[in-house]
Amino acid sequence: MPAASPSPPLLQARPLTVHSARVTTPVRYVAADGQRHTIPRGPCLIEKMDGPVVEVIWGAKGQNCTTLPIDDVENAEARGDLVLLD
């Protein structure tokens, strides 16, 4: 019987382009302008973009967003700072 291959990271394994998620611990990131910002606790959407990046969208009306490396989001998920809901 062949050995089972390791499963790919969650965001890469799912067929959806947009995921519902919840930030459980504020996620810090550095914006393109070099300033540090925080994604606050609460619901968000994560959209897979071309290349190794995702767009994170949050706010009551989806008025805030940033593009982050997929590795940063997967690390936040592994730490429990972000939970994918679908």
C-alpha atoms as a PDB file:
ATOM      1  CA  MET A   1       0.000   0.000   0.000  1.00  0.00           C
ATOM      2  CA  PRO A   2       1.512   3.399  -0.983  1.00  0.00           C
ATOM      3  CA  ALA A   3       2.273   5.919   1.739  1.00  0.00           C
ATOM      4  CA  ALA A   4      -0.268   8.696   2.110  1.00  0.00           C
ATOM      5  CA  SER A   5       0.997  12.009   0.838  1.00  0.00           C
ATOM      6  CA  PRO A   6       0.720  14.967   3.207  1.00  0.00           C
ATOM      7  CA  SER A   7      -2.328  17.104   2.612  1.00  0.00           C
ATOM      8  CA  PRO A   8      -1.774  20.610   1.198  1.00  0.00           C
ATOM      9  CA  PRO A   9      -2.321  23.660   3.422  1.00  0.00           C
ATOM     10  CA  LEU A  10      -5.981  24.457   4.035  1.00  0.00           C
ATOM     11  CA  LEU A  11      -6.268  27.550   1.853  1.00  0.00           C
ATOM     12  CA  GLN A  12      -4.671  25.760  -1.095  1.00  0.00           C
ATOM     13  CA  ALA A  13      -6.720  22.578  -0.633  1.00  0.00           C
ATOM     14  CA  ARG A  14     -10.149  24.175  -0.778  1.00  0.00           C
ATOM     15  CA  PRO A  15     -11.777  24.700  -4.178  1.00  0.00           C
ATOM     16  CA  LEU A  16     -13.509  27.987  -3.262  1.00  0.00           C
ATOM     17  CA  THR A  17     -12.044  31.328  -4.256  1.00  0.00           C
ATOM     18  CA  VAL A  18     -13.586  33.250  -1.321  1.00  0.00           C
ATOM     19  CA  HIS A  19     -13.655  31.943   2.249  1.00  0.00           C
ATOM     20  CA  SER A  20     -15.573  33.192   5.263  1.00  0.00           C
ATOM     21  CA  ALA A  21     -13.313  33.485   8.296  1.00  0.00           C
ATOM     22  CA  ARG A  22     -13.108  34.953  11.774  1.00  0.00           C
ATOM     23  CA  VAL A  23     -10.127  36.742  13.297  1.00  0.00           C
ATOM     24  CA  THR A  24      -9.921  35.545  16.918  1.00  0.00           C
ATOM     25  CA  THR A  25      -6.768  37.468  17.854  1.00  0.00           C
ATOM     26  CA  PRO A  26      -5.885  40.747  16.095  1.00  0.00           C
ATOM     27  CA  VAL A  27      -3.564  40.032  13.155  1.00  0.00           C
ATOM     28  CA  ARG A  28      -0.739  42.511  12.615  1.00  0.00           C
ATOM     29  CA  TYR A  29       0.733  43.224   9.199  1.00  0.00           C
ATOM     30  CA  VAL A  30       2.971  45.737   7.455  1.00  0.00           C
ATOM     31  CA  ALA A  31       1.250  47.632   4.628  1.00  0.00           C
ATOM     32  CA  ALA A  32       2.864  48.431   1.280  1.00  0.00           C
ATOM     33  CA  ASP A  33       3.709  51.911   2.610  1.00  0.00           C
ATOM     34  CA  GLY A  34       5.698  50.358   5.471  1.00  0.00           C
ATOM     35  CA  GLN A  35       3.188  51.282   8.191  1.00  0.00           C
ATOM     36  CA  ARG A  36       2.051  48.650  10.679  1.00  0.00           C
ATOM     37  CA  HIS A  37      -1.665  47.913  10.830  1.00  0.00           C
ATOM     38  CA  THR A  38      -3.950  45.433  12.568  1.00  0.00           C
ATOM     39  CA  ILE A  39      -6.869  43.369  11.329  1.00  0.00           C
ATOM     40  CA  PRO A  40      -9.253  43.451  14.337  1.00  0.00           C
ATOM     41  CA  ARG A  41     -11.179  40.556  15.860  1.00  0.00           C
ATOM     42  CA  GLY A  42     -14.325  39.677  13.991  1.00  0.00           C
ATOM     43  CA  PRO A  43     -15.609  38.303  10.701  1.00  0.00           C
ATOM     44  CA  CYS A  44     -13.714  38.667   7.449  1.00  0.00           C
ATOM     45  CA  LEU A  45     -13.528  37.295   3.940  1.00  0.00           C
ATOM     46  CA  ILE A  46     -10.391  35.799   2.428  1.00  0.00           C
ATOM     47  CA  GLU A  47     -10.121  35.817  -1.347  1.00  0.00           C
ATOM     48  CA  LYS A  48      -7.426  33.857  -3.143  1.00  0.00           C
ATOM     49  CA  MET A  49      -5.673  36.078  -5.658  1.00  0.00           C
ATOM     50  CA  ASP A  50      -3.284  35.236  -8.494  1.00  0.00           C
ATOM     51  CA  GLY A  51       0.069  34.186  -7.113  1.00  0.00           C
ATOM     52  CA  PRO A  52       0.882  33.390  -3.490  1.00  0.00           C
ATOM     53  CA  VAL A  53      -1.316  36.132  -1.988  1.00  0.00           C
ATOM     54  CA  VAL A  54      -4.805  36.544  -0.573  1.00  0.00           C
ATOM     55  CA  GLU A  55      -6.968  39.606   0.001  1.00  0.00           C
ATOM     56  CA  VAL A  56      -8.433  39.928   3.493  1.00  0.00           C
ATOM     57  CA  ILE A  57     -11.624  42.016   3.678  1.00  0.00           C
ATOM     58  CA  TRP A  58     -13.198  43.129   6.969  1.00  0.00           C
ATOM     59  CA  GLY A  59     -15.420  45.785   8.508  1.00  0.00           C
ATOM     60  CA  ALA A  60     -19.164  46.134   8.951  1.00  0.00           C
ATOM     61  CA  LYS A  61     -19.553  46.964   5.247  1.00  0.00           C
ATOM     62  CA  GLY A  62     -16.365  45.358   3.955  1.00  0.00           C
ATOM     63  CA  GLN A  63     -14.743  48.774   3.874  1.00  0.00           C
ATOM     64  CA  ASN A  64     -11.262  47.583   4.917  1.00  0.00           C
ATOM     65  CA  CYS A  65      -8.951  45.289   3.009  1.00  0.00           C
ATOM     66  CA  THR A  66      -5.339  44.331   2.532  1.00  0.00           C
ATOM     67  CA  THR A  67      -3.349  41.881   0.456  1.00  0.00           C
ATOM     68  CA  LEU A  68      -1.167  39.465   2.412  1.00  0.00           C
ATOM     69  CA  PRO A  69       1.139  36.587   1.498  1.00  0.00           C
ATOM     70  CA  ILE A  70      -0.770  33.315   1.761  1.00  0.00           C
ATOM     71  CA  ASP A  71       1.939  32.034   4.136  1.00  0.00           C
ATOM     72  CA  ASP A  72       1.108  34.814   6.629  1.00  0.00           C
ATOM     73  CA  VAL A  73      -2.570  33.865   6.607  1.00  0.00           C
ATOM     74  CA  GLU A  74      -1.812  30.148   6.930  1.00  0.00           C
ATOM     75  CA  ASN A  75       0.524  30.896   9.862  1.00  0.00           C
ATOM     76  CA  ALA A  76      -2.240  32.962  11.541  1.00  0.00           C
ATOM     77  CA  GLU A  77      -4.583  30.020  11.036  1.00  0.00           C
ATOM     78  CA  ALA A  78      -2.037  27.573  12.498  1.00  0.00           C
ATOM     79  CA  ARG A  79      -1.648  29.807  15.594  1.00  0.00           C
ATOM     80  CA  GLY A  80      -5.437  29.989  15.992  1.00  0.00           C
ATOM     81  CA  ASP A  81      -5.511  33.742  15.306  1.00  0.00           C
ATOM     82  CA  LEU A  82      -7.744  33.144  12.276  1.00  0.00           C
ATOM     83  CA  VAL A  83     -10.376  30.446  11.780  1.00  0.00           C
ATOM     84  CA  LEU A  84     -11.757  29.489   8.372  1.00  0.00           C
ATOM     85  CA  LEU A  85     -15.513  28.962   8.618  1.00  0.00           C
ATOM     86  CA  ASP A  86     -16.197  27.219   5.296  1.00  0.00           C
END
